[in-house]
Structures are given as structure tokens and as C-alpha cells.
C-alpha atoms as a PDB file:
ATOM      1  CA  MET A   1      47.627  22.575  45.415  1.00  0.00           C
ATOM      2  CA  SER A   2      44.396  21.598  43.322  1.00  0.00           C
ATOM      3  CA  GLN A   3      42.875  23.623  39.698  1.00  0.00           C
ATOM      4  CA  ALA A   4      40.075  25.349  39.291  1.00  0.00           C
ATOM      5  CA  PRO A   5      37.707  23.348  37.346  1.00  0.00           C
ATOM      6  CA  LEU A   6      37.136  24.433  33.942  1.00  0.00           C
ATOM      7  CA  PRO A   7      34.483  26.206  33.076  1.00  0.00           C
ATOM      8  CA  ARG A   8      31.487  24.561  32.081  1.00  0.00           C
ATOM      9  CA  PRO A   9      28.937  26.070  29.150  1.00  0.00           C
ATOM     10  CA  ASP A  10      26.136  26.690  30.945  1.00  0.00           C
ATOM     11  CA  ASP A  11      23.319  23.883  29.519  1.00  0.00           C
ATOM     12  CA  SER A  12      20.361  26.597  28.262  1.00  0.00           C
ATOM     13  CA  ASP A  13      23.022  26.720  25.030  1.00  0.00           C
ATOM     14  CA  ARG A  14      22.982  22.614  24.637  1.00  0.00           C
ATOM     15  CA  PRO A  15      19.334  22.443  23.084  1.00  0.00           C
ATOM     16  CA  ARG A  16      20.590  25.255  20.204  1.00  0.00           C
ATOM     17  CA  ARG A  17      23.934  23.320  19.864  1.00  0.00           C
ATOM     18  CA  ALA A  18      22.354  20.237  19.314  1.00  0.00           C
ATOM     19  CA  LEU A  19      20.183  21.933  17.007  1.00  0.00           C
ATOM     20  CA  THR A  20      23.296  22.983  14.633  1.00  0.00           C
ATOM     21  CA  GLY A  21      25.091  19.423  14.967  1.00  0.00           C
ATOM     22  CA  LEU A  22      21.691  18.360  13.721  1.00  0.00           C
ATOM     23  CA  VAL A  23      21.264  20.560  11.444  1.00  0.00           C
ATOM     24  CA  ILE A  24      24.907  19.696   9.534  1.00  0.00           C
ATOM     25  CA  GLU A  25      23.981  15.630   9.803  1.00  0.00           C
ATOM     26  CA  LEU A  26      20.580  16.806   8.005  1.00  0.00           C
ATOM     27  CA  PHE A  27      22.994  18.824   4.976  1.00  0.00           C
ATOM     28  CA  ARG A  28      25.515  16.000   4.459  1.00  0.00           C
ATOM     29  CA  LEU A  29      22.773  13.994   4.256  1.00  0.00           C
ATOM     30  CA  ASN A  30      20.723  15.203   1.991  1.00  0.00           C
ATOM     31  CA  GLY A  31      23.680  15.516  -0.706  1.00  0.00           C
ATOM     32  CA  ASP A  32      24.527  12.294  -0.016  1.00  0.00           C
ATOM     33  CA  LEU A  33      20.544  11.154  -0.352  1.00  0.00           C
ATOM     34  CA  LEU A  34      20.651  12.966  -3.068  1.00  0.00           C
ATOM     35  CA  ALA A  35      23.940  11.915  -4.952  1.00  0.00           C
ATOM     36  CA  ALA A  36      22.355   7.542  -3.483  1.00  0.00           C
ATOM     37  CA  GLY A  37      18.889   8.616  -5.388  1.00  0.00           C
ATOM     38  CA  ASP A  38      20.820  10.159  -9.175  1.00  0.00           C
ATOM     39  CA  THR A  39      22.836   6.659  -8.632  1.00  0.00           C
ATOM     40  CA  LEU A  40      20.287   4.203  -8.066  1.00  0.00           C
ATOM     41  CA  VAL A  41      17.779   5.382 -10.395  1.00  0.00           C
ATOM     42  CA  GLY A  42      20.662   6.633 -13.193  1.00  0.00           C
ATOM     43  CA  ASP A  43      19.308   4.598 -15.788  1.00  0.00           C
ATOM     44  CA  LEU A  44      16.231   4.752 -16.454  1.00  0.00           C
ATOM     45  CA  GLY A  45      16.630   8.563 -17.257  1.00  0.00           C
ATOM     46  CA  LEU A  46      16.473   9.647 -13.844  1.00  0.00           C
ATOM     47  CA  THR A  47      17.717  11.408 -11.246  1.00  0.00           C
ATOM     48  CA  SER A  48      16.477  12.294  -7.956  1.00  0.00           C
ATOM     49  CA  ALA A  49      15.371  15.555  -8.878  1.00  0.00           C
ATOM     50  CA  ARG A  50      13.678  14.064 -11.520  1.00  0.00           C
ATOM     51  CA  TRP A  51      12.243  10.922  -8.720  1.00  0.00           C
ATOM     52  CA  GLN A  52      10.544  13.588  -6.106  1.00  0.00           C
ATOM     53  CA  VAL A  53       8.882  15.279  -9.013  1.00  0.00           C
ATOM     54  CA  LEU A  54       6.720  11.551 -10.571  1.00  0.00           C
ATOM     55  CA  GLY A  55       6.254  11.825  -7.117  1.00  0.00           C
ATOM     56  CA  ALA A  56       4.807  14.930  -6.624  1.00  0.00           C
ATOM     57  CA  ILE A  57       2.937  13.478  -9.490  1.00  0.00           C
ATOM     58  CA  ALA A  58       2.089   9.927  -8.925  1.00  0.00           C
ATOM     59  CA  LEU A  59       0.625  10.933  -5.029  1.00  0.00           C
ATOM     60  CA  SER A  60      -1.624  13.556  -5.688  1.00  0.00           C
ATOM     61  CA  PRO A  61      -4.931  13.339  -6.284  1.00  0.00           C
ATOM     62  CA  THR A  62      -5.731  14.966  -8.400  1.00  0.00           C
ATOM     63  CA  LEU A  63      -3.473  16.841 -11.547  1.00  0.00           C
ATOM     64  CA  LEU A  64      -1.442  19.877 -10.517  1.00  0.00           C
ATOM     65  CA  PRO A  65      -0.187  22.663 -12.592  1.00  0.00           C
ATOM     66  CA  VAL A  66       4.041  23.043 -12.261  1.00  0.00           C
ATOM     67  CA  ALA A  67       3.235  25.982  -9.459  1.00  0.00           C
ATOM     68  CA  HIS A  68       1.180  23.457  -7.419  1.00  0.00           C
ATOM     69  CA  ILE A  69       3.557  20.930  -7.536  1.00  0.00           C
ATOM     70  CA  ALA A  70       6.614  23.341  -6.293  1.00  0.00           C
ATOM     71  CA  ARG A  71       4.813  24.357  -3.327  1.00  0.00           C
ATOM     72  CA  ASN A  72       4.014  20.929  -2.329  1.00  0.00           C
ATOM     73  CA  MET A  73       7.527  19.987  -3.159  1.00  0.00           C
ATOM     74  CA  GLY A  74       8.757  23.275  -0.968  1.00  0.00           C
ATOM     75  CA  LEU A  75      10.140  23.812  -4.097  1.00  0.00           C
ATOM     76  CA  THR A  76      10.138  27.257  -6.764  1.00  0.00           C
ATOM     77  CA  ARG A  77       7.691  27.438  -9.703  1.00  0.00           C
ATOM     78  CA  GLN A  78      11.026  27.960 -11.971  1.00  0.00           C
ATOM     79  CA  ALA A  79      13.059  24.784 -10.564  1.00  0.00           C
ATOM     80  CA  VAL A  80       9.968  22.783 -11.790  1.00  0.00           C
ATOM     81  CA  GLN A  81       9.177  23.629 -14.539  1.00  0.00           C
ATOM     82  CA  ARG A  82      12.711  23.275 -15.564  1.00  0.00           C
ATOM     83  CA  LEU A  83      12.275  19.986 -14.741  1.00  0.00           C
ATOM     84  CA  VAL A  84       8.606  18.768 -16.065  1.00  0.00           C
ATOM     85  CA  ASP A  85       9.990  20.232 -19.472  1.00  0.00           C
ATOM     86  CA  GLU A  86      12.948  17.712 -19.711  1.00  0.00           C
ATOM     87  CA  MET A  87      10.926  15.737 -18.962  1.00  0.00           C
ATOM     88  CA  ASN A  88       8.838  16.728 -21.545  1.00  0.00           C
ATOM     89  CA  ALA A  89      11.127  16.428 -24.330  1.00  0.00           C
ATOM     90  CA  ASP A  90      11.929  12.645 -22.711  1.00  0.00           C
ATOM     91  CA  GLY A  91       8.499  11.378 -23.463  1.00  0.00           C
ATOM     92  CA  LEU A  92       8.115  11.151 -19.173  1.00  0.00           C
ATOM     93  CA  VAL A  93       5.403  13.821 -18.797  1.00  0.00           C
ATOM     94  CA  ARG A  94       2.957  15.436 -20.770  1.00  0.00           C
ATOM     95  CA  LEU A  95       0.905  17.997 -20.605  1.00  0.00           C
ATOM     96  CA  GLU A  96      -2.724  18.817 -20.850  1.00  0.00           C
ATOM     97  CA  LEU A  97      -5.078  21.715 -20.774  1.00  0.00           C
ATOM     98  CA  ASN A  98      -5.943  23.205 -17.785  1.00  0.00           C
ATOM     99  CA  PRO A  99      -9.734  23.926 -17.276  1.00  0.00           C
ATOM    100  CA  HIS A 100      -9.247  26.373 -14.234  1.00  0.00           C
ATOM    101  CA  HIS A 101      -6.476  28.093 -15.366  1.00  0.00           C
ATOM    102  CA  ARG A 102      -5.510  28.757 -19.630  1.00  0.00           C
ATOM    103  CA  ARG A 103      -1.779  28.961 -19.538  1.00  0.00           C
ATOM    104  CA  ALA A 104      -1.280  26.412 -16.539  1.00  0.00           C
ATOM    105  CA  HIS A 105      -1.213  23.328 -18.113  1.00  0.00           C
ATOM    106  CA  LEU A 106      -1.694  20.158 -16.176  1.00  0.00           C
ATOM    107  CA  VAL A 107       1.433  17.380 -15.729  1.00  0.00           C
ATOM    108  CA  VAL A 108       0.827  14.148 -16.312  1.00  0.00           C
ATOM    109  CA  MET A 109       3.052  11.098 -16.115  1.00  0.00           C
ATOM    110  CA  THR A 110       2.888   9.746 -19.347  1.00  0.00           C
ATOM    111  CA  GLU A 111       3.569   5.992 -19.827  1.00  0.00           C
ATOM    112  CA  ARG A 112       6.632   5.700 -19.624  1.00  0.00           C
ATOM    113  CA  GLY A 113       7.316   7.694 -17.491  1.00  0.00           C
ATOM    114  CA  GLN A 114       4.814   5.503 -14.728  1.00  0.00           C
ATOM    115  CA  LEU A 115       7.269   2.156 -15.906  1.00  0.00           C
ATOM    116  CA  ALA A 116      10.473   5.051 -14.782  1.00  0.00           C
ATOM    117  CA  TYR A 117       8.909   5.862 -11.424  1.00  0.00           C
ATOM    118  CA  ALA A 118       7.658   2.227 -11.011  1.00  0.00           C
ATOM    119  CA  ALA A 119      11.121   1.570 -11.574  1.00  0.00           C
ATOM    120  CA  ALA A 120      12.533   3.324  -8.825  1.00  0.00           C
ATOM    121  CA  ILE A 121      10.365   2.850  -5.855  1.00  0.00           C
ATOM    122  CA  GLU A 122      10.508  -1.031  -6.583  1.00  0.00           C
ATOM    123  CA  ARG A 123      14.317  -0.072  -6.086  1.00  0.00           C
ATOM    124  CA  GLN A 124      13.719   2.392  -3.342  1.00  0.00           C
ATOM    125  CA  GLU A 125      12.311  -0.735  -1.513  1.00  0.00           C
ATOM    126  CA  ARG A 126      15.592  -2.277  -1.508  1.00  0.00           C
ATOM    127  CA  TRP A 127      17.360   0.246  -1.082  1.00  0.00           C
ATOM    128  CA  PHE A 128      15.289   1.001   2.075  1.00  0.00           C
ATOM    129  CA  ASP A 129      14.941  -1.968   3.376  1.00  0.00           C
ATOM    130  CA  GLY A 130      18.979  -1.714   4.189  1.00  0.00           C
ATOM    131  CA  LEU A 131      19.481   1.414   4.834  1.00  0.00           C
ATOM    132  CA  ALA A 132      16.648   0.742   7.929  1.00  0.00           C
ATOM    133  CA  ALA A 133      18.154  -3.014   8.774  1.00  0.00           C
ATOM    134  CA  ASP A 134      18.517  -2.931  12.837  1.00  0.00           C
ATOM    135  CA  LEU A 135      16.451   0.269  13.920  1.00  0.00           C
ATOM    136  CA  SER A 136      13.085   0.229  15.491  1.00  0.00           C
ATOM    137  CA  ALA A 137      10.217   1.715  13.101  1.00  0.00           C
ATOM    138  CA  GLU A 138      10.210   3.857  17.194  1.00  0.00           C
ATOM    139  CA  GLU A 139      13.508   5.492  16.164  1.00  0.00           C
ATOM    140  CA  ILE A 140      12.258   6.331  12.745  1.00  0.00           C
ATOM    141  CA  GLU A 141       8.978   7.540  13.628  1.00  0.00           C
ATOM    142  CA  ALA A 142      10.492   9.684  16.545  1.00  0.00           C
ATOM    143  CA  ALA A 143      13.078  11.355  13.974  1.00  0.00           C
ATOM    144  CA  ALA A 144       9.946  11.948  11.211  1.00  0.00           C
ATOM    145  CA  ALA A 145       8.020  13.812  14.397  1.00  0.00           C
ATOM    146  CA  LEU A 146      11.190  15.899  15.197  1.00  0.00           C
ATOM    147  CA  LEU A 147      12.157  17.161  11.764  1.00  0.00           C
ATOM    148  CA  ARG A 148       7.934  18.003  10.787  1.00  0.00           C
ATOM    149  CA  THR A 149       7.885  20.112  14.762  1.00  0.00           C
ATOM    150  CA  LEU A 150      10.967  21.526  13.511  1.00  0.00           C
ATOM    151  CA  GLN A 151       9.274  21.865   9.695  1.00  0.00           C
ATOM    152  CA  THR A 152       6.633  22.987  11.349  1.00  0.00           C
ATOM    153  CA  ARG A 153       8.460  26.067  13.602  1.00  0.00           C
ATOM    154  CA  LEU A 154      10.879  26.964  10.477  1.00  0.00           C
ATOM    155  CA  ASP A 155       7.375  27.724   8.758  1.00  0.00           C
ATOM    156  CA  GLY A 156       6.743  29.487  10.950  1.00  0.00           C
ATOM    157  CA  HIS A 157       9.522  31.985  11.212  1.00  0.00           C
ATOM    158  CA  LEU A 158       9.511  32.481   6.965  1.00  0.00           C
ATOM    159  CA  GLN A 159       6.058  33.827   7.655  1.00  0.00           C
ATOM    160  CA  ARG A 160       6.992  36.543   9.971  1.00  0.00           C
ATOM    161  CA  PRO A 161       8.870  39.355   9.289  1.00  0.00           C
ATOM    162  CA  SER A 162      12.666  38.676  11.759  1.00  0.00           C
ATOM    163  CA  ALA A 163      13.679  40.338  14.341  1.00  0.00           C
ATOM    164  CA  ALA A 164      16.636  42.360  12.964  1.00  0.00           C
ATOM    165  CA  ALA A 165      14.509  43.889   9.735  1.00  0.00           C
ATOM    166  CA  ASN A 166      12.052  45.429  12.933  1.00  0.00           C
ATOM    167  CA  ILE A 167      14.722  46.601  14.263  1.00  0.00           C
ATOM    168  CA  SER A 168      16.773  47.848  11.631  1.00  0.00           C
ATOM    169  CA  LYS A 169      13.011  49.434  10.560  1.00  0.00           C
ATOM    170  CA  GLN A 170      12.270  51.015  13.918  1.00  0.00           C
ATOM    171  CA  GLY A 171      15.700  52.958  13.656  1.00  0.00           C
ATOM    172  CA  THR A 172      15.058  54.523  10.327  1.00  0.00           C
END
């Protein structure tokens, strides 16, 4: 006698299971990237978070206040403010008057901050060369495109009230 085959998971569940696996890997990767970044730039007076703030300043075509830097980075204003305050005390950035807003000062990299950022980028390039070894540009670009698509969809969900919130409002 032959045994009945085991039930197979519904193939329609496969994208959800795959996305769950991807998100878990992204969480793990994020933690590892932050730890590796901290190690890479620690002797420059930077952490991964400080490096990100300097990058947001360096890549902006105009001077920005803390709130705009935070928005560009997807972080809270309070978290970026704390980092900017520390970096200001350490001489990596300075605050300048904002002609458009009396209380929201503009964040500017000092010469020390520029040197630290340039050294970090030089190290990053060598580090990334090792990470990208044996990967094609097409593979990396496809992964980046997938992440941008997920980010866009997530942004759309965050801007709409959740279905659960709508259901609970209907029940009252």
C-alpha cells in the first residue's frame, strides 16, 4: 500500500513566506552592517549613525536643519538632534543661523567632519569592493530595485489607516 502524499503548502503563500525570510535577513544584515560600520570608522570619531548624518549633509545640495536631515534619513528628529548635538560638541559639525527659520539652525560639516567623512568613504570603497566580489552589477541593481519597491509600498501602507484600525472604529 502506498501512503497518501503529504499536503503541500498552498503556492499562493510562497511570496509571503519569501518576504518574511527576506525581512529577517534584512534585519540581520542591518545589525551586521551597523556593527561593521562602527568598527570601520570608530577610530575616526564616528559611529555608523554619525557617519550616516555626515553623509546626509554631504549629499544634500543645500544646507539643512536637523528635521530635514532626519526626514531624508527616515529617522526621528530627536534621534538626529542627539547625534548632531554630540557631533557639534566633538567638532564634526557646527550650527549656523537659518535665514528661513529662527530656531531651526542649519547643520554644517566642519573641516574636521569633512576629513572624517572623506576617510570613512575611502575605507567604505575598499570594504565594498570586498563585499561586491563575485557579484554582478545586475544582481546588485536588481536587489536595490526590489528594496525600493518594498520601501514605496511600505510608505503607502504607513500613510493609510490600517484595516484593523478601520474595523475597530466601525465596531464602536
